[in-house]
Amino acid sequence: MWDGIERRKGADWIDVAINVLNISAWIVFLVALILFHYAKPEVEYFIYSMMNEPVEVRKHWVVELKSWLFVTLYFCTFISGLTLVVNHYRLKRKDDRQRYGLMMLVVVCIVFVGVISVQS
């Protein structure tokens, strides 16, 4: 039972590692968003059909970038899941902080992979 005396001196190496993994997961997700921007098909706007000169619009995925997008999303999910597992076993008190942002990141990555897999 806790006697009310705070014995923690500061962040230990596990807490620092959790924070580094957290930041790296978000950076990998940012890279995935950049890859998505360049890999997705381009939008054919109505104004393009009104122009005198035809405007070419790419209507397919860039396959190589799409495969890298899957790799980054899987890697982001792995890092986030690993961080959540380590954080779960690290928690000792009720007031220790949960990582709700990482939980949301795992859900977003899994949904993102599912949506991209369905599209051709």
PDB file of N, CA and C in Angstrom:
ATOM      1  N   MET A   1       0.844  -1.177   0.000  1.00  0.00           N
ATOM      2  CA  MET A   1       0.000   0.000   0.000  1.00  0.00           C
ATOM      3  C   MET A   1       0.887   1.237   0.000  1.00  0.00           C
ATOM      4  N   TRP A   2       0.452   2.248  -0.700  1.00  0.00           N
ATOM      5  CA  TRP A   2       1.241   3.464  -0.844  1.00  0.00           C
ATOM      6  C   TRP A   2       1.092   4.320   0.397  1.00  0.00           C
ATOM      7  N   ASP A   3       2.221   4.769   0.943  1.00  0.00           N
ATOM      8  CA  ASP A   3       2.200   5.540   2.194  1.00  0.00           C
ATOM      9  C   ASP A   3       2.161   7.051   1.960  1.00  0.00           C
ATOM     10  N   GLY A   4       2.055   7.507   0.713  1.00  0.00           N
ATOM     11  CA  GLY A   4       1.936   8.925   0.428  1.00  0.00           C
ATOM     12  C   GLY A   4       3.256   9.631   0.198  1.00  0.00           C
ATOM     13  N   ILE A   5       4.371   8.936   0.303  1.00  0.00           N
ATOM     14  CA  ILE A   5       5.691   9.536   0.078  1.00  0.00           C
ATOM     15  C   ILE A   5       6.123   9.245  -1.351  1.00  0.00           C
ATOM     16  N   GLU A   6       6.463  10.290  -2.066  1.00  0.00           N
ATOM     17  CA  GLU A   6       6.907  10.156  -3.453  1.00  0.00           C
ATOM     18  C   GLU A   6       8.384   9.793  -3.467  1.00  0.00           C
ATOM     19  N   ARG A   7       8.699   8.590  -3.960  1.00  0.00           N
ATOM     20  CA  ARG A   7      10.088   8.122  -3.987  1.00  0.00           C
ATOM     21  C   ARG A   7      10.717   8.211  -5.370  1.00  0.00           C
ATOM     22  N   ARG A   8       9.924   8.561  -6.356  1.00  0.00           N
ATOM     23  CA  ARG A   8      10.461   8.651  -7.712  1.00  0.00           C
ATOM     24  C   ARG A   8      11.334   9.890  -7.827  1.00  0.00           C
ATOM     25  N   LYS A   9      12.502   9.705  -8.378  1.00  0.00           N
ATOM     26  CA  LYS A   9      13.452  10.808  -8.531  1.00  0.00           C
ATOM     27  C   LYS A   9      13.334  11.479  -9.896  1.00  0.00           C
ATOM     28  N   GLY A  10      12.768  10.809 -10.840  1.00  0.00           N
ATOM     29  CA  GLY A  10      12.635  11.354 -12.194  1.00  0.00           C
ATOM     30  C   GLY A  10      12.455  10.215 -13.176  1.00  0.00           C
ATOM     31  N   ALA A  11      12.603  10.518 -14.432  1.00  0.00           N
ATOM     32  CA  ALA A  11      12.414   9.509 -15.467  1.00  0.00           C
ATOM     33  C   ALA A  11      13.606   8.549 -15.496  1.00  0.00           C
ATOM     34  N   ASP A  12      13.307   7.257 -15.495  1.00  0.00           N
ATOM     35  CA  ASP A  12      14.363   6.272 -15.654  1.00  0.00           C
ATOM     36  C   ASP A  12      14.499   5.927 -17.136  1.00  0.00           C
ATOM     37  N   TRP A  13      15.354   4.980 -17.458  1.00  0.00           N
ATOM     38  CA  TRP A  13      15.632   4.699 -18.852  1.00  0.00           C
ATOM     39  C   TRP A  13      14.427   4.077 -19.565  1.00  0.00           C
ATOM     40  N   ILE A  14      13.572   3.367 -18.847  1.00  0.00           N
ATOM     41  CA  ILE A  14      12.390   2.784 -19.481  1.00  0.00           C
ATOM     42  C   ILE A  14      11.401   3.878 -19.852  1.00  0.00           C
ATOM     43  N   ASP A  15      11.220   4.844 -18.971  1.00  0.00           N
ATOM     44  CA  ASP A  15      10.316   5.951 -19.270  1.00  0.00           C
ATOM     45  C   ASP A  15      10.837   6.780 -20.443  1.00  0.00           C
ATOM     46  N   VAL A  16      12.123   6.993 -20.495  1.00  0.00           N
ATOM     47  CA  VAL A  16      12.731   7.720 -21.620  1.00  0.00           C
ATOM     48  C   VAL A  16      12.559   6.915 -22.915  1.00  0.00           C
ATOM     49  N   ALA A  17      12.735   5.589 -22.831  1.00  0.00           N
ATOM     50  CA  ALA A  17      12.570   4.741 -24.021  1.00  0.00           C
ATOM     51  C   ALA A  17      11.125   4.765 -24.516  1.00  0.00           C
ATOM     52  N   ILE A  18      10.172   4.775 -23.589  1.00  0.00           N
ATOM     53  CA  ILE A  18       8.762   4.863 -23.971  1.00  0.00           C
ATOM     54  C   ILE A  18       8.498   6.176 -24.698  1.00  0.00           C
ATOM     55  N   ASN A  19       9.043   7.264 -24.195  1.00  0.00           N
ATOM     56  CA  ASN A  19       8.851   8.567 -24.842  1.00  0.00           C
ATOM     57  C   ASN A  19       9.506   8.617 -26.222  1.00  0.00           C
ATOM     58  N   VAL A  20      10.692   8.028 -26.353  1.00  0.00           N
ATOM     59  CA  VAL A  20      11.377   7.996 -27.648  1.00  0.00           C
ATOM     60  C   VAL A  20      10.584   7.153 -28.644  1.00  0.00           C
ATOM     61  N   LEU A  21      10.065   6.003 -28.203  1.00  0.00           N
ATOM     62  CA  LEU A  21       9.250   5.177 -29.087  1.00  0.00           C
ATOM     63  C   LEU A  21       7.960   5.892 -29.481  1.00  0.00           C
ATOM     64  N   ASN A  22       7.394   6.629 -28.556  1.00  0.00           N
ATOM     65  CA  ASN A  22       6.182   7.393 -28.836  1.00  0.00           C
ATOM     66  C   ASN A  22       6.446   8.428 -29.927  1.00  0.00           C
ATOM     67  N   ILE A  23       7.495   9.179 -29.787  1.00  0.00           N
ATOM     68  CA  ILE A  23       7.843  10.202 -30.782  1.00  0.00           C
ATOM     69  C   ILE A  23       8.182   9.559 -32.121  1.00  0.00           C
ATOM     70  N   SER A  24       8.908   8.453 -32.099  1.00  0.00           N
ATOM     71  CA  SER A  24       9.275   7.797 -33.355  1.00  0.00           C
ATOM     72  C   SER A  24       8.046   7.224 -34.065  1.00  0.00           C
ATOM     73  N   ALA A  25       7.057   6.736 -33.319  1.00  0.00           N
ATOM     74  CA  ALA A  25       5.827   6.240 -33.943  1.00  0.00           C
ATOM     75  C   ALA A  25       5.101   7.362 -34.663  1.00  0.00           C
ATOM     76  N   TRP A  26       5.035   8.529 -34.056  1.00  0.00           N
ATOM     77  CA  TRP A  26       4.373   9.659 -34.699  1.00  0.00           C
ATOM     78  C   TRP A  26       5.157  10.153 -35.912  1.00  0.00           C
ATOM     79  N   ILE A  27       6.473  10.101 -35.862  1.00  0.00           N
ATOM     80  CA  ILE A  27       7.284  10.501 -37.019  1.00  0.00           C
ATOM     81  C   ILE A  27       7.079   9.531 -38.178  1.00  0.00           C
ATOM     82  N   VAL A  28       7.029   8.238 -37.879  1.00  0.00           N
ATOM     83  CA  VAL A  28       6.784   7.245 -38.929  1.00  0.00           C
ATOM     84  C   VAL A  28       5.394   7.440 -39.526  1.00  0.00           C
ATOM     85  N   PHE A  29       4.409   7.796 -38.687  1.00  0.00           N
ATOM     86  CA  PHE A  29       3.070   8.063 -39.212  1.00  0.00           C
ATOM     87  C   PHE A  29       3.074   9.297 -40.115  1.00  0.00           C
ATOM     88  N   LEU A  30       3.838  10.300 -39.766  1.00  0.00           N
ATOM     89  CA  LEU A  30       3.961  11.484 -40.611  1.00  0.00           C
ATOM     90  C   LEU A  30       4.580  11.119 -41.960  1.00  0.00           C
ATOM     91  N   VAL A  31       5.584  10.251 -41.953  1.00  0.00           N
ATOM     92  CA  VAL A  31       6.181   9.778 -43.208  1.00  0.00           C
ATOM     93  C   VAL A  31       5.140   9.016 -44.032  1.00  0.00           C
ATOM     94  N   ALA A  32       4.301   8.227 -43.353  1.00  0.00           N
ATOM     95  CA  ALA A  32       3.243   7.493 -44.061  1.00  0.00           C
ATOM     96  C   ALA A  32       2.251   8.451 -44.707  1.00  0.00           C
ATOM     97  N   LEU A  33       1.933   9.538 -44.029  1.00  0.00           N
ATOM     98  CA  LEU A  33       1.019  10.521 -44.622  1.00  0.00           C
ATOM     99  C   LEU A  33       1.635  11.187 -45.847  1.00  0.00           C
ATOM    100  N   ILE A  34       2.919  11.459 -45.794  1.00  0.00           N
ATOM    101  CA  ILE A  34       3.603  12.046 -46.953  1.00  0.00           C
ATOM    102  C   ILE A  34       3.618  11.056 -48.113  1.00  0.00           C
ATOM    103  N   LEU A  35       3.902   9.786 -47.820  1.00  0.00           N
ATOM    104  CA  LEU A  35       3.872   8.766 -48.869  1.00  0.00           C
ATOM    105  C   LEU A  35       2.473   8.624 -49.468  1.00  0.00           C
ATOM    106  N   PHE A  36       1.458   8.701 -48.623  1.00  0.00           N
ATOM    107  CA  PHE A  36       0.082   8.617 -49.114  1.00  0.00           C
ATOM    108  C   PHE A  36      -0.222   9.749 -50.082  1.00  0.00           C
ATOM    109  N   HIS A  37       0.251  10.935 -49.750  1.00  0.00           N
ATOM    110  CA  HIS A  37      -0.010  12.091 -50.613  1.00  0.00           C
ATOM    111  C   HIS A  37       0.550  11.876 -52.016  1.00  0.00           C
ATOM    112  N   TYR A  38       1.741  11.317 -52.105  1.00  0.00           N
ATOM    113  CA  TYR A  38       2.369  11.140 -53.416  1.00  0.00           C
ATOM    114  C   TYR A  38       1.956   9.849 -54.107  1.00  0.00           C
ATOM    115  N   ALA A  39       1.437   8.851 -53.385  1.00  0.00           N
ATOM    116  CA  ALA A  39       1.095   7.568 -53.981  1.00  0.00           C
ATOM    117  C   ALA A  39      -0.349   7.501 -54.467  1.00  0.00           C
ATOM    118  N   LYS A  40      -1.232   8.277 -53.895  1.00  0.00           N
ATOM    119  CA  LYS A  40      -2.666   8.178 -54.221  1.00  0.00           C
ATOM    120  C   LYS A  40      -2.944   8.710 -55.615  1.00  0.00           C
ATOM    121  N   PRO A  41      -4.055   8.256 -56.191  1.00  0.00           N
ATOM    122  CA  PRO A  41      -4.457   8.809 -57.495  1.00  0.00           C
ATOM    123  C   PRO A  41      -4.796  10.291 -57.360  1.00  0.00           C
ATOM    124  N   GLU A  42      -4.564  11.022 -58.436  1.00  0.00           N
ATOM    125  CA  GLU A  42      -4.851  12.450 -58.411  1.00  0.00           C
ATOM    126  C   GLU A  42      -6.346  12.681 -58.612  1.00  0.00           C
ATOM    127  N   VAL A  43      -6.839  13.767 -58.081  1.00  0.00           N
ATOM    128  CA  VAL A  43      -8.254  14.117 -58.209  1.00  0.00           C
ATOM    129  C   VAL A  43      -8.452  14.853 -59.528  1.00  0.00           C
ATOM    130  N   GLU A  44      -9.461  14.429 -60.264  1.00  0.00           N
ATOM    131  CA  GLU A  44      -9.783  15.103 -61.517  1.00  0.00           C
ATOM    132  C   GLU A  44     -10.868  16.139 -61.228  1.00  0.00           C
ATOM    133  N   TYR A  45     -10.469  17.372 -61.152  1.00  0.00           N
ATOM    134  CA  TYR A  45     -11.395  18.450 -60.851  1.00  0.00           C
ATOM    135  C   TYR A  45     -12.223  18.812 -62.080  1.00  0.00           C
ATOM    136  N   PHE A  46     -13.383  19.383 -61.839  1.00  0.00           N
ATOM    137  CA  PHE A  46     -14.301  19.753 -62.914  1.00  0.00           C
ATOM    138  C   PHE A  46     -13.677  20.792 -63.849  1.00  0.00           C
ATOM    139  N   ILE A  47     -12.876  21.664 -63.302  1.00  0.00           N
ATOM    140  CA  ILE A  47     -12.271  22.735 -64.103  1.00  0.00           C
ATOM    141  C   ILE A  47     -11.352  22.171 -65.186  1.00  0.00           C
ATOM    142  N   TYR A  48     -10.783  20.958 -64.926  1.00  0.00           N
ATOM    143  CA  TYR A  48      -9.904  20.357 -65.930  1.00  0.00           C
ATOM    144  C   TYR A  48     -10.676  20.009 -67.196  1.00  0.00           C
ATOM    145  N   SER A  49     -11.929  19.625 -67.039  1.00  0.00           N
ATOM    146  CA  SER A  49     -12.713  19.280 -68.228  1.00  0.00           C
ATOM    147  C   SER A  49     -13.141  20.516 -69.011  1.00  0.00           C
ATOM    148  N   MET A  50     -13.099  21.665 -68.385  1.00  0.00           N
ATOM    149  CA  MET A  50     -13.502  22.907 -69.051  1.00  0.00           C
ATOM    150  C   MET A  50     -12.351  23.580 -69.804  1.00  0.00           C
ATOM    151  N   MET A  51     -11.146  23.114 -69.589  1.00  0.00           N
ATOM    152  CA  MET A  51      -9.981  23.734 -70.214  1.00  0.00           C
ATOM    153  C   MET A  51      -9.904  23.316 -71.685  1.00  0.00           C
ATOM    154  N   ASN A  52      -9.317  24.194 -72.490  1.00  0.00           N
ATOM    155  CA  ASN A  52      -9.152  23.897 -73.919  1.00  0.00           C
ATOM    156  C   ASN A  52      -8.116  22.806 -74.146  1.00  0.00           C
ATOM    157  N   GLU A  53      -7.067  22.850 -73.368  1.00  0.00           N
ATOM    158  CA  GLU A  53      -6.019  21.838 -73.488  1.00  0.00           C
ATOM    159  C   GLU A  53      -6.316  20.710 -72.504  1.00  0.00           C
ATOM    160  N   PRO A  54      -6.139  19.472 -72.911  1.00  0.00           N
ATOM    161  CA  PRO A  54      -6.413  18.364 -71.988  1.00  0.00           C
ATOM    162  C   PRO A  54      -5.352  18.310 -70.877  1.00  0.00           C
ATOM    163  N   VAL A  55      -5.815  18.093 -69.683  1.00  0.00           N
ATOM    164  CA  VAL A  55      -4.925  17.971 -68.529  1.00  0.00           C
ATOM    165  C   VAL A  55      -4.880  16.508 -68.136  1.00  0.00           C
ATOM    166  N   GLU A  56      -3.673  15.957 -68.121  1.00  0.00           N
ATOM    167  CA  GLU A  56      -3.529  14.541 -67.768  1.00  0.00           C
ATOM    168  C   GLU A  56      -3.558  14.394 -66.248  1.00  0.00           C
ATOM    169  N   VAL A  57      -4.376  13.456 -65.805  1.00  0.00           N
ATOM    170  CA  VAL A  57      -4.525  13.185 -64.383  1.00  0.00           C
ATOM    171  C   VAL A  57      -4.254  11.709 -64.156  1.00  0.00           C
ATOM    172  N   ARG A  58      -3.375  11.425 -63.211  1.00  0.00           N
ATOM    173  CA  ARG A  58      -3.043  10.031 -62.894  1.00  0.00           C
ATOM    174  C   ARG A  58      -4.192   9.428 -62.092  1.00  0.00           C
ATOM    175  N   LYS A  59      -4.771   8.345 -62.601  1.00  0.00           N
ATOM    176  CA  LYS A  59      -5.934   7.726 -61.962  1.00  0.00           C
ATOM    177  C   LYS A  59      -5.600   6.403 -61.285  1.00  0.00           C
ATOM    178  N   HIS A  60      -4.349   6.145 -61.077  1.00  0.00           N
ATOM    179  CA  HIS A  60      -3.941   4.893 -60.436  1.00  0.00           C
ATOM    180  C   HIS A  60      -2.934   5.192 -59.323  1.00  0.00           C
ATOM    181  N   TRP A  61      -2.762   4.224 -58.459  1.00  0.00           N
ATOM    182  CA  TRP A  61      -1.785   4.343 -57.381  1.00  0.00           C
ATOM    183  C   TRP A  61      -0.381   4.139 -57.933  1.00  0.00           C
ATOM    184  N   VAL A  62       0.590   4.813 -57.369  1.00  0.00           N
ATOM    185  CA  VAL A  62       1.995   4.535 -57.670  1.00  0.00           C
ATOM    186  C   VAL A  62       2.357   3.314 -56.829  1.00  0.00           C
ATOM    187  N   VAL A  63       2.574   2.193 -57.491  1.00  0.00           N
ATOM    188  CA  VAL A  63       2.674   0.900 -56.804  1.00  0.00           C
ATOM    189  C   VAL A  63       3.845   0.862 -55.830  1.00  0.00           C
ATOM    190  N   GLU A  64       4.982   1.381 -56.243  1.00  0.00           N
ATOM    191  CA  GLU A  64       6.159   1.335 -55.372  1.00  0.00           C
ATOM    192  C   GLU A  64       5.943   2.161 -54.103  1.00  0.00           C
ATOM    193  N   LEU A  65       5.372   3.343 -54.243  1.00  0.00           N
ATOM    194  CA  LEU A  65       5.099   4.181 -53.074  1.00  0.00           C
ATOM    195  C   LEU A  65       4.005   3.577 -52.192  1.00  0.00           C
ATOM    196  N   LYS A  66       3.040   2.901 -52.831  1.00  0.00           N
ATOM    197  CA  LYS A  66       1.978   2.255 -52.059  1.00  0.00           C
ATOM    198  C   LYS A  66       2.537   1.124 -51.208  1.00  0.00           C
ATOM    199  N   SER A  67       3.492   0.375 -51.745  1.00  0.00           N
ATOM    200  CA  SER A  67       4.098  -0.697 -50.949  1.00  0.00           C
ATOM    201  C   SER A  67       4.908  -0.115 -49.787  1.00  0.00           C
ATOM    202  N   TRP A  68       5.595   1.001 -50.023  1.00  0.00           N
ATOM    203  CA  TRP A  68       6.314   1.652 -48.923  1.00  0.00           C
ATOM    204  C   TRP A  68       5.342   2.230 -47.894  1.00  0.00           C
ATOM    205  N   LEU A  69       4.196   2.663 -48.358  1.00  0.00           N
ATOM    206  CA  LEU A  69       3.165   3.155 -47.454  1.00  0.00           C
ATOM    207  C   LEU A  69       2.700   2.047 -46.519  1.00  0.00           C
ATOM    208  N   PHE A  70       2.479   0.849 -47.056  1.00  0.00           N
ATOM    209  CA  PHE A  70       2.096  -0.283 -46.207  1.00  0.00           C
ATOM    210  C   PHE A  70       3.193  -0.610 -45.193  1.00  0.00           C
ATOM    211  N   VAL A  71       4.444  -0.579 -45.635  1.00  0.00           N
ATOM    212  CA  VAL A  71       5.558  -0.871 -44.728  1.00  0.00           C
ATOM    213  C   VAL A  71       5.599   0.134 -43.581  1.00  0.00           C
ATOM    214  N   THR A  72       5.449   1.411 -43.902  1.00  0.00           N
ATOM    215  CA  THR A  72       5.500   2.424 -42.836  1.00  0.00           C
ATOM    216  C   THR A  72       4.303   2.308 -41.900  1.00  0.00           C
ATOM    217  N   LEU A  73       3.133   1.989 -42.423  1.00  0.00           N
ATOM    218  CA  LEU A  73       1.963   1.835 -41.554  1.00  0.00           C
ATOM    219  C   LEU A  73       2.098   0.615 -40.645  1.00  0.00           C
ATOM    220  N   TYR A  74       2.596  -0.492 -41.173  1.00  0.00           N
ATOM    221  CA  TYR A  74       2.818  -1.676 -40.327  1.00  0.00           C
ATOM    222  C   TYR A  74       3.883  -1.396 -39.273  1.00  0.00           C
ATOM    223  N   PHE A  75       4.937  -0.700 -39.672  1.00  0.00           N
ATOM    224  CA  PHE A  75       6.006  -0.365 -38.730  1.00  0.00           C
ATOM    225  C   PHE A  75       5.496   0.570 -37.630  1.00  0.00           C
ATOM    226  N   CYS A  76       4.666   1.537 -38.015  1.00  0.00           N
ATOM    227  CA  CYS A  76       4.077   2.461 -37.047  1.00  0.00           C
ATOM    228  C   CYS A  76       3.175   1.706 -36.071  1.00  0.00           C
ATOM    229  N   THR A  77       2.387   0.767 -36.582  1.00  0.00           N
ATOM    230  CA  THR A  77       1.520  -0.038 -35.720  1.00  0.00           C
ATOM    231  C   THR A  77       2.351  -0.884 -34.761  1.00  0.00           C
ATOM    232  N   PHE A  78       3.447  -1.451 -35.257  1.00  0.00           N
ATOM    233  CA  PHE A  78       4.319  -2.268 -34.401  1.00  0.00           C
ATOM    234  C   PHE A  78       4.952  -1.428 -33.290  1.00  0.00           C
ATOM    235  N   ILE A  79       5.491  -0.272 -33.652  1.00  0.00           N
ATOM    236  CA  ILE A  79       6.127   0.591 -32.645  1.00  0.00           C
ATOM    237  C   ILE A  79       5.099   1.052 -31.614  1.00  0.00           C
ATOM    238  N   SER A  80       3.921   1.440 -32.071  1.00  0.00           N
ATOM    239  CA  SER A  80       2.879   1.902 -31.155  1.00  0.00           C
ATOM    240  C   SER A  80       2.422   0.781 -30.237  1.00  0.00           C
ATOM    241  N   GLY A  81       2.221  -0.395 -30.787  1.00  0.00           N
ATOM    242  CA  GLY A  81       1.816  -1.543 -29.973  1.00  0.00           C
ATOM    243  C   GLY A  81       2.870  -1.922 -28.949  1.00  0.00           C
ATOM    244  N   LEU A  82       4.138  -1.915 -29.387  1.00  0.00           N
ATOM    245  CA  LEU A  82       5.231  -2.218 -28.459  1.00  0.00           C
ATOM    246  C   LEU A  82       5.286  -1.195 -27.331  1.00  0.00           C
ATOM    247  N   THR A  83       5.110   0.060 -27.662  1.00  0.00           N
ATOM    248  CA  THR A  83       5.122   1.114 -26.646  1.00  0.00           C
ATOM    249  C   THR A  83       3.968   0.950 -25.673  1.00  0.00           C
ATOM    250  N   LEU A  84       2.800   0.594 -26.179  1.00  0.00           N
ATOM    251  CA  LEU A  84       1.647   0.398 -25.304  1.00  0.00           C
ATOM    252  C   LEU A  84       1.843  -0.794 -24.376  1.00  0.00           C
ATOM    253  N   VAL A  85       2.442  -1.871 -24.888  1.00  0.00           N
ATOM    254  CA  VAL A  85       2.692  -3.052 -24.038  1.00  0.00           C
ATOM    255  C   VAL A  85       3.704  -2.726 -22.952  1.00  0.00           C
ATOM    256  N   VAL A  86       4.791  -2.069 -23.315  1.00  0.00           N
ATOM    257  CA  VAL A  86       5.801  -1.696 -22.314  1.00  0.00           C
ATOM    258  C   VAL A  86       5.204  -0.735 -21.288  1.00  0.00           C
ATOM    259  N   ASN A  87       4.417   0.216 -21.755  1.00  0.00           N
ATOM    260  CA  ASN A  87       3.797   1.170 -20.842  1.00  0.00           C
ATOM    261  C   ASN A  87       2.797   0.477 -19.918  1.00  0.00           C
ATOM    262  N   HIS A  88       2.077  -0.518 -20.431  1.00  0.00           N
ATOM    263  CA  HIS A  88       1.116  -1.239 -19.606  1.00  0.00           C
ATOM    264  C   HIS A  88       1.810  -1.959 -18.450  1.00  0.00           C
ATOM    265  N   TYR A  89       2.938  -2.603 -18.745  1.00  0.00           N
ATOM    266  CA  TYR A  89       3.659  -3.306 -17.681  1.00  0.00           C
ATOM    267  C   TYR A  89       4.451  -2.360 -16.796  1.00  0.00           C
ATOM    268  N   ARG A  90       4.651  -1.157 -17.277  1.00  0.00           N
ATOM    269  CA  ARG A  90       5.394  -0.158 -16.516  1.00  0.00           C
ATOM    270  C   ARG A  90       4.512   0.545 -15.486  1.00  0.00           C
ATOM    271  N   LEU A  91       3.217   0.645 -15.755  1.00  0.00           N
ATOM    272  CA  LEU A  91       2.320   1.346 -14.850  1.00  0.00           C
ATOM    273  C   LEU A  91       2.263   0.645 -13.498  1.00  0.00           C
ATOM    274  N   LYS A  92       2.403   1.437 -12.437  1.00  0.00           N
ATOM    275  CA  LYS A  92       2.338   0.860 -11.097  1.00  0.00           C
ATOM    276  C   LYS A  92       1.264   1.513 -10.245  1.00  0.00           C
ATOM    277  N   ARG A  93       0.888   2.716 -10.613  1.00  0.00           N
ATOM    278  CA  ARG A  93      -0.112   3.444  -9.832  1.00  0.00           C
ATOM    279  C   ARG A  93      -1.284   3.818 -10.726  1.00  0.00           C
ATOM    280  N   LYS A  94      -2.409   4.086 -10.094  1.00  0.00           N
ATOM    281  CA  LYS A  94      -3.599   4.472 -10.847  1.00  0.00           C
ATOM    282  C   LYS A  94      -3.417   5.809 -11.549  1.00  0.00           C
ATOM    283  N   ASP A  95      -2.618   6.693 -10.968  1.00  0.00           N
ATOM    284  CA  ASP A  95      -2.459   8.021 -11.568  1.00  0.00           C
ATOM    285  C   ASP A  95      -1.317   8.084 -12.578  1.00  0.00           C
ATOM    286  N   ASP A  96      -0.654   6.960 -12.855  1.00  0.00           N
ATOM    287  CA  ASP A  96       0.334   6.944 -13.933  1.00  0.00           C
ATOM    288  C   ASP A  96      -0.392   7.153 -15.255  1.00  0.00           C
ATOM    289  N   ARG A  97       0.278   7.851 -16.168  1.00  0.00           N
ATOM    290  CA  ARG A  97      -0.436   8.274 -17.363  1.00  0.00           C
ATOM    291  C   ARG A  97      -0.590   7.161 -18.398  1.00  0.00           C
ATOM    292  N   GLN A  98      -1.765   7.157 -18.965  1.00  0.00           N
ATOM    293  CA  GLN A  98      -2.071   6.255 -20.066  1.00  0.00           C
ATOM    294  C   GLN A  98      -1.632   6.929 -21.368  1.00  0.00           C
ATOM    295  N   ARG A  99      -1.476   6.160 -22.394  1.00  0.00           N
ATOM    296  CA  ARG A  99      -1.056   6.675 -23.702  1.00  0.00           C
ATOM    297  C   ARG A  99      -2.230   6.590 -24.680  1.00  0.00           C
ATOM    298  N   TYR A 100      -3.215   7.461 -24.485  1.00  0.00           N
ATOM    299  CA  TYR A 100      -4.404   7.432 -25.327  1.00  0.00           C
ATOM    300  C   TYR A 100      -4.091   7.849 -26.760  1.00  0.00           C
ATOM    301  N   GLY A 101      -3.115   8.716 -26.940  1.00  0.00           N
ATOM    302  CA  GLY A 101      -2.715   9.104 -28.293  1.00  0.00           C
ATOM    303  C   GLY A 101      -2.174   7.933 -29.086  1.00  0.00           C
ATOM    304  N   LEU A 102      -1.405   7.074 -28.432  1.00  0.00           N
ATOM    305  CA  LEU A 102      -0.876   5.900 -29.118  1.00  0.00           C
ATOM    306  C   LEU A 102      -1.966   4.878 -29.393  1.00  0.00           C
ATOM    307  N   MET A 103      -2.927   4.767 -28.483  1.00  0.00           N
ATOM    308  CA  MET A 103      -4.051   3.859 -28.746  1.00  0.00           C
ATOM    309  C   MET A 103      -4.803   4.307 -29.988  1.00  0.00           C
ATOM    310  N   MET A 104      -5.014   5.602 -30.092  1.00  0.00           N
ATOM    311  CA  MET A 104      -5.696   6.145 -31.261  1.00  0.00           C
ATOM    312  C   MET A 104      -4.847   5.964 -32.518  1.00  0.00           C
ATOM    313  N   LEU A 105      -3.541   6.110 -32.396  1.00  0.00           N
ATOM    314  CA  LEU A 105      -2.648   5.930 -33.543  1.00  0.00           C
ATOM    315  C   LEU A 105      -2.708   4.495 -34.065  1.00  0.00           C
ATOM    316  N   VAL A 106      -2.768   3.520 -33.181  1.00  0.00           N
ATOM    317  CA  VAL A 106      -2.884   2.119 -33.608  1.00  0.00           C
ATOM    318  C   VAL A 106      -4.189   1.911 -34.370  1.00  0.00           C
ATOM    319  N   VAL A 107      -5.274   2.444 -33.842  1.00  0.00           N
ATOM    320  CA  VAL A 107      -6.575   2.292 -34.514  1.00  0.00           C
ATOM    321  C   VAL A 107      -6.548   2.970 -35.879  1.00  0.00           C
ATOM    322  N   VAL A 108      -6.005   4.187 -35.950  1.00  0.00           N
ATOM    323  CA  VAL A 108      -5.956   4.918 -37.222  1.00  0.00           C
ATOM    324  C   VAL A 108      -5.095   4.173 -38.237  1.00  0.00           C
ATOM    325  N   CYS A 109      -3.962   3.638 -37.820  1.00  0.00           N
ATOM    326  CA  CYS A 109      -3.090   2.899 -38.746  1.00  0.00           C
ATOM    327  C   CYS A 109      -3.779   1.645 -39.273  1.00  0.00           C
ATOM    328  N   ILE A 110      -4.472   0.908 -38.399  1.00  0.00           N
ATOM    329  CA  ILE A 110      -5.155  -0.313 -38.833  1.00  0.00           C
ATOM    330  C   ILE A 110      -6.283   0.024 -39.797  1.00  0.00           C
ATOM    331  N   VAL A 111      -7.052   1.070 -39.494  1.00  0.00           N
ATOM    332  CA  VAL A 111      -8.125   1.487 -40.407  1.00  0.00           C
ATOM    333  C   VAL A 111      -7.542   1.980 -41.726  1.00  0.00           C
ATOM    334  N   PHE A 112      -6.453   2.719 -41.661  1.00  0.00           N
ATOM    335  CA  PHE A 112      -5.778   3.233 -42.854  1.00  0.00           C
ATOM    336  C   PHE A 112      -5.334   2.084 -43.758  1.00  0.00           C
ATOM    337  N   VAL A 113      -4.737   1.046 -43.173  1.00  0.00           N
ATOM    338  CA  VAL A 113      -4.311  -0.122 -43.957  1.00  0.00           C
ATOM    339  C   VAL A 113      -5.522  -0.797 -44.574  1.00  0.00           C
ATOM    340  N   GLY A 114      -6.597  -0.930 -43.814  1.00  0.00           N
ATOM    341  CA  GLY A 114      -7.798  -1.565 -44.346  1.00  0.00           C
ATOM    342  C   GLY A 114      -8.409  -0.807 -45.503  1.00  0.00           C
ATOM    343  N   VAL A 115      -8.478   0.493 -45.391  1.00  0.00           N
ATOM    344  CA  VAL A 115      -9.075   1.316 -46.449  1.00  0.00           C
ATOM    345  C   VAL A 115      -8.209   1.279 -47.710  1.00  0.00           C
ATOM    346  N   ILE A 116      -6.920   1.362 -47.543  1.00  0.00           N
ATOM    347  CA  ILE A 116      -6.028   1.338 -48.714  1.00  0.00           C
ATOM    348  C   ILE A 116      -6.016  -0.046 -49.364  1.00  0.00           C
ATOM    349  N   SER A 117      -6.155  -1.098 -48.574  1.00  0.00           N
ATOM    350  CA  SER A 117      -6.177  -2.456 -49.134  1.00  0.00           C
ATOM    351  C   SER A 117      -7.413  -2.684 -49.986  1.00  0.00           C
ATOM    352  N   VAL A 118      -8.525  -2.087 -49.605  1.00  0.00           N
ATOM    353  CA  VAL A 118      -9.765  -2.268 -50.350  1.00  0.00           C
ATOM    354  C   VAL A 118      -9.717  -1.555 -51.694  1.00  0.00           C
ATOM    355  N   GLN A 119      -9.074  -0.383 -51.714  1.00  0.00           N
ATOM    356  CA  GLN A 119      -8.981   0.395 -52.958  1.00  0.00           C
ATOM    357  C   GLN A 119      -8.001  -0.278 -53.911  1.00  0.00           C
ATOM    358  N   SER A 120      -8.266  -0.144 -55.191  1.00  0.00           N
ATOM    359  CA  SER A 120      -7.377  -0.785 -56.171  1.00  0.00           C
ATOM    360  C   SER A 120      -6.232   0.088 -56.555  1.00  0.00           C
TER     361      SER A 120
END
